[in-house]
Protein backbone atom coordinates (compact mmCIF):
# COMPACT_ATOMS: atom_id res chain seq x y z
CA MET A 1 20.79 10.28 47.97
CA SER A 2 17.79 11.93 47.09
CA THR A 3 16.76 11.52 43.10
CA SER A 4 15.79 14.60 40.98
CA PRO A 5 12.53 14.68 39.56
CA THR A 6 14.52 14.22 36.08
CA GLN A 7 15.81 11.34 37.11
CA ARG A 8 12.30 10.12 38.33
CA THR A 9 10.57 10.86 35.11
CA ARG A 10 13.28 9.37 32.48
CA PRO A 11 12.14 5.85 32.98
CA LEU A 12 8.42 6.73 32.14
CA ARG A 13 9.67 8.80 28.95
CA ALA A 14 11.36 5.58 27.78
CA ASP A 15 8.61 3.40 28.58
CA ALA A 16 6.08 5.91 26.78
CA GLU A 17 8.29 5.45 23.67
CA ARG A 18 8.45 1.88 23.86
CA ASN A 19 4.54 1.67 23.80
CA ARG A 20 4.25 4.07 21.13
CA GLN A 21 6.77 1.62 18.88
CA ARG A 22 4.70 -1.14 19.91
CA LEU A 23 1.63 0.72 19.29
CA ILE A 24 2.55 1.47 15.87
CA ALA A 25 4.02 -1.90 14.70
CA ALA A 26 0.81 -3.40 15.96
CA ALA A 27 -1.18 -1.11 13.89
CA GLN A 28 1.22 -1.62 10.66
CA GLU A 29 0.54 -5.58 11.08
CA LEU A 30 -3.32 -5.00 11.48
CA PHE A 31 -3.72 -2.37 8.83
CA ALA A 32 -1.56 -4.27 6.08
CA SER A 33 -3.51 -7.56 6.70
CA ARG A 34 -7.28 -6.46 7.73
CA GLY A 35 -7.43 -2.53 6.26
CA ILE A 36 -7.98 0.42 8.28
CA ASP A 37 -11.29 -0.20 10.00
CA VAL A 38 -9.54 -2.00 12.71
CA THR A 39 -10.29 0.08 15.87
CA LEU A 40 -8.11 1.15 18.60
CA ASP A 41 -9.18 -1.40 21.03
CA ASP A 42 -8.06 -4.02 18.07
CA VAL A 43 -4.57 -2.21 17.98
CA ALA A 44 -4.25 -2.11 21.74
CA ARG A 45 -4.88 -6.10 22.13
CA HIS A 46 -2.23 -6.69 19.39
CA ALA A 47 0.37 -4.35 20.97
CA GLY A 48 -0.87 -6.05 24.45
CA VAL A 49 -1.41 -2.91 26.01
CA GLY A 50 -4.44 -1.49 27.87
CA VAL A 51 -6.69 0.77 25.16
CA GLY A 52 -5.77 4.07 27.52
CA THR A 53 -2.35 3.76 26.13
CA VAL A 54 -3.20 4.20 22.83
CA TYR A 55 -5.03 6.99 23.46
CA ARG A 56 -2.36 8.79 25.39
CA ARG A 57 -0.02 8.34 22.17
CA PHE A 58 -3.15 9.28 19.70
CA ALA A 59 -6.28 11.23 19.90
CA ASN A 60 -8.12 9.21 17.53
CA ARG A 61 -7.94 6.39 14.89
CA GLU A 62 -7.02 8.85 11.85
CA GLU A 63 -4.23 10.15 13.95
CA LEU A 64 -2.99 6.71 13.97
CA ILE A 65 -3.37 5.66 10.43
CA GLU A 66 -1.58 8.96 9.83
CA ALA A 67 1.55 7.95 11.72
CA VAL A 68 1.53 4.18 10.39
CA LEU A 69 0.45 4.86 6.80
CA MET A 70 1.50 8.31 5.70
CA GLY A 71 5.17 6.82 4.80
CA ALA A 72 3.46 4.28 2.66
CA VAL A 73 1.39 6.66 0.75
CA ARG A 74 4.82 8.67 0.05
CA ARG A 75 6.97 5.78 -1.11
CA LEU A 76 4.39 5.40 -4.29
CA ALA A 77 5.45 9.10 -5.24
CA GLU A 78 9.31 8.08 -4.61
CA HIS A 79 7.86 4.74 -7.03
CA ALA A 80 6.96 7.08 -9.91
CA GLU A 81 9.55 9.53 -9.42
CA LYS A 82 12.14 6.76 -9.67
CA ALA A 83 10.38 5.26 -12.71
CA LEU A 84 10.48 8.69 -14.70
CA THR A 85 14.50 8.14 -14.70
CA ASN A 86 14.47 5.12 -16.29
CA PRO A 87 15.30 5.70 -19.96
CA ASP A 88 13.04 3.41 -21.39
CA PRO A 89 9.53 4.33 -21.43
CA TRP A 90 7.68 1.12 -21.21
CA GLU A 91 10.33 -0.50 -18.64
CA GLY A 92 9.92 3.09 -16.33
CA PHE A 93 5.91 2.63 -16.70
CA GLU A 94 6.23 -1.30 -16.01
CA GLU A 95 8.68 -0.68 -13.06
CA PHE A 96 5.97 1.76 -11.26
CA PHE A 97 3.02 -0.37 -12.05
CA VAL A 98 4.74 -3.65 -10.60
CA ALA A 99 5.96 -1.33 -7.33
CA SER A 100 2.49 0.22 -6.87
CA ALA A 101 0.62 -3.40 -7.39
CA ARG A 102 3.21 -5.06 -4.83
CA ASP A 103 2.85 -2.19 -2.34
CA PHE A 104 -1.08 -2.51 -2.63
CA ALA A 105 -0.84 -6.37 -2.22
CA GLU A 106 1.06 -6.51 0.65
CA ASN A 107 -0.71 -3.49 2.53
CA ARG A 108 -4.25 -3.80 2.44
CA GLY A 109 -4.60 -0.36 4.34
CA LEU A 110 -2.64 1.55 2.09
CA ARG A 111 -4.83 0.08 -0.90
CA GLU A 112 -7.75 1.43 0.79
CA LEU A 113 -6.28 4.57 1.77
CA VAL A 114 -5.35 5.46 -1.67
CA LEU A 115 -7.61 3.62 -3.82
CA GLU A 116 -10.89 4.40 -1.91
CA ARG A 117 -10.94 8.03 -2.02
CA ASN A 118 -13.69 8.19 0.63
CA ARG A 119 -11.38 6.61 2.99
CA GLY A 120 -8.39 8.74 3.46
CA THR A 121 -9.82 12.37 3.92
CA ALA A 122 -7.44 14.22 6.01
CA ASP A 123 -5.77 16.87 3.93
CA ALA A 124 -2.36 15.31 4.52
CA PHE A 125 -3.58 12.08 2.73
CA VAL A 126 -5.25 14.08 0.25
CA ASP A 127 -2.12 16.08 -0.54
CA ALA A 128 0.10 12.96 -0.68
CA ARG A 129 -2.21 10.79 -2.65
CA ASN A 130 -2.37 13.97 -5.02
CA GLY A 131 1.23 14.11 -5.33
CA PHE A 132 1.98 11.03 -7.30
CA GLN A 133 -0.79 11.48 -9.99
CA PRO A 134 1.44 14.02 -12.17
CA ALA A 135 4.28 11.77 -12.28
CA THR A 136 1.84 8.81 -13.18
CA THR A 137 0.01 10.65 -15.83
CA ALA A 138 3.88 11.46 -17.20
CA LEU A 139 4.72 7.83 -17.19
CA ILE A 140 1.70 6.82 -19.08
CA THR A 141 1.82 9.84 -21.77
CA ARG A 142 5.59 8.89 -22.25
CA ALA A 143 5.16 5.45 -22.82
CA GLN A 144 2.08 6.03 -25.01
CA GLU A 145 4.45 8.70 -26.90
CA ALA A 146 6.89 6.08 -27.38
CA GLY A 147 4.19 3.65 -29.25
CA GLU A 148 4.67 1.31 -26.46
CA LEU A 149 1.54 1.72 -24.32
CA ARG A 150 -1.84 1.66 -26.09
CA ASP A 151 -2.87 5.25 -26.57
CA ASP A 152 -6.54 4.78 -25.55
CA LEU A 153 -5.02 4.12 -21.67
CA SER A 154 -6.47 7.14 -19.31
CA PRO A 155 -4.88 7.90 -16.27
CA VAL A 156 -7.54 7.07 -14.42
CA ASP A 157 -7.69 3.53 -15.63
CA PHE A 158 -4.94 3.12 -13.24
CA PRO A 159 -6.25 3.12 -10.04
CA LEU A 160 -9.17 1.06 -11.04
CA ILE A 161 -6.76 -1.36 -12.78
CA GLN A 162 -4.97 -1.74 -9.36
CA LEU A 163 -8.45 -1.88 -7.76
CA MET A 164 -8.93 -5.10 -9.71
CA LEU A 165 -5.80 -6.56 -8.76
CA GLY A 166 -6.53 -5.71 -5.27
CA ALA A 167 -9.87 -8.06 -5.57
CA VAL A 168 -7.35 -10.84 -6.18
CA THR A 169 -5.55 -9.82 -3.44
CA HIS A 170 -8.15 -9.88 -1.07
CA HIS A 171 -9.46 -13.16 -1.72
CA THR A 172 -6.09 -14.99 -1.85
CA ARG A 173 -3.90 -13.76 0.76
CA ASP A 174 -4.08 -16.69 2.70
CA VAL A 175 -4.09 -18.92 0.00
CA ALA A 176 -1.54 -17.73 -2.63
CA PRO A 177 -0.19 -14.57 -1.45
CA GLU A 178 1.92 -13.92 -4.73
CA LEU A 179 -0.78 -14.52 -7.18
CA TRP A 180 -1.39 -11.20 -7.73
CA ARG A 181 1.98 -11.34 -9.60
CA ARG A 182 0.18 -13.64 -12.37
CA TYR A 183 -2.63 -11.08 -13.14
CA VAL A 184 -0.25 -8.15 -13.16
CA THR A 185 1.50 -9.78 -16.24
CA LEU A 186 -1.74 -10.65 -17.69
CA VAL A 187 -2.69 -6.84 -17.37
CA LEU A 188 0.54 -5.37 -18.73
CA ASP A 189 0.59 -7.95 -21.67
CA GLY A 190 -2.95 -6.28 -22.91
CA LEU A 191 -1.78 -2.80 -22.16
CA ARG A 192 1.43 -3.04 -24.43
CA THR A 193 0.94 -2.35 -27.83
CA ARG A 194 3.87 -4.87 -28.91
CA ARG A 195 5.15 -7.99 -28.29
CA ASP A 196 6.71 -10.98 -29.90
CA ALA A 197 4.82 -13.74 -27.57
CA PRO A 198 3.16 -13.75 -24.36
CA SER A 199 5.20 -12.87 -21.25
CA ALA A 200 5.74 -15.88 -18.53
CA PHE A 201 3.50 -15.53 -15.96
CA GLY A 202 4.58 -14.04 -12.46
CA ALA A 203 3.24 -16.87 -10.33
CA PRO A 204 1.45 -20.03 -11.06
CA ALA A 205 -2.02 -20.73 -11.27
CA ILE A 206 -4.10 -21.67 -8.11
CA THR A 207 -5.66 -25.28 -7.99
CA GLU A 208 -9.45 -25.74 -7.84
CA GLU A 209 -9.30 -26.48 -4.36
CA GLN A 210 -7.33 -23.20 -3.71
CA PHE A 211 -10.02 -21.26 -5.39
CA ASP A 212 -12.68 -22.76 -3.23
CA ARG A 213 -10.75 -21.84 -0.16
CA ALA A 214 -10.04 -18.20 -1.48
CA LEU A 215 -13.86 -17.53 -2.06
CA THR A 216 -15.01 -19.66 1.36
């Protein structure tokens, strides 16, 4: 019995889709751990496919970055919008601050794409990045008007603080991956206008040995 052209091509389409998913999974891991400077060759090796397979699925690295990280950028906007529904102004601000710090800590590529403006210059990324800035400003303003957040904090301080926390994550990721939580606590205590006592740290301090390893 003869085989129709459609029947012959179905396995190839299925294989192509499996390869695409393997590439996306590999890129997610590499972007999260090493940032967005990894090459398409790196992604192909990590996925266990030839580099030609990458170029058949994605025209360039920017296209792969968009496929992998656009959802993560949009989730930041979702965090901000969700935090605005919290009736308590401080809790809403804190909720978004911690959620974004967690996402940046777990995904170096996302941190570079959102916080380093020369990295994500495609229109889609610029639009997505700018999309959650009004909600971020609203969270800050609301908490300030409630007298819970110091009134000299500017919205532009927010990404700079996250960059500062990102430096901790960058150096300690392999030594103490949750250490960023300790410094989130420290920053939030400094930003709040009033508290009865210092908050409990979200993670223990690292040892001197861990500190040496982190900076080596």
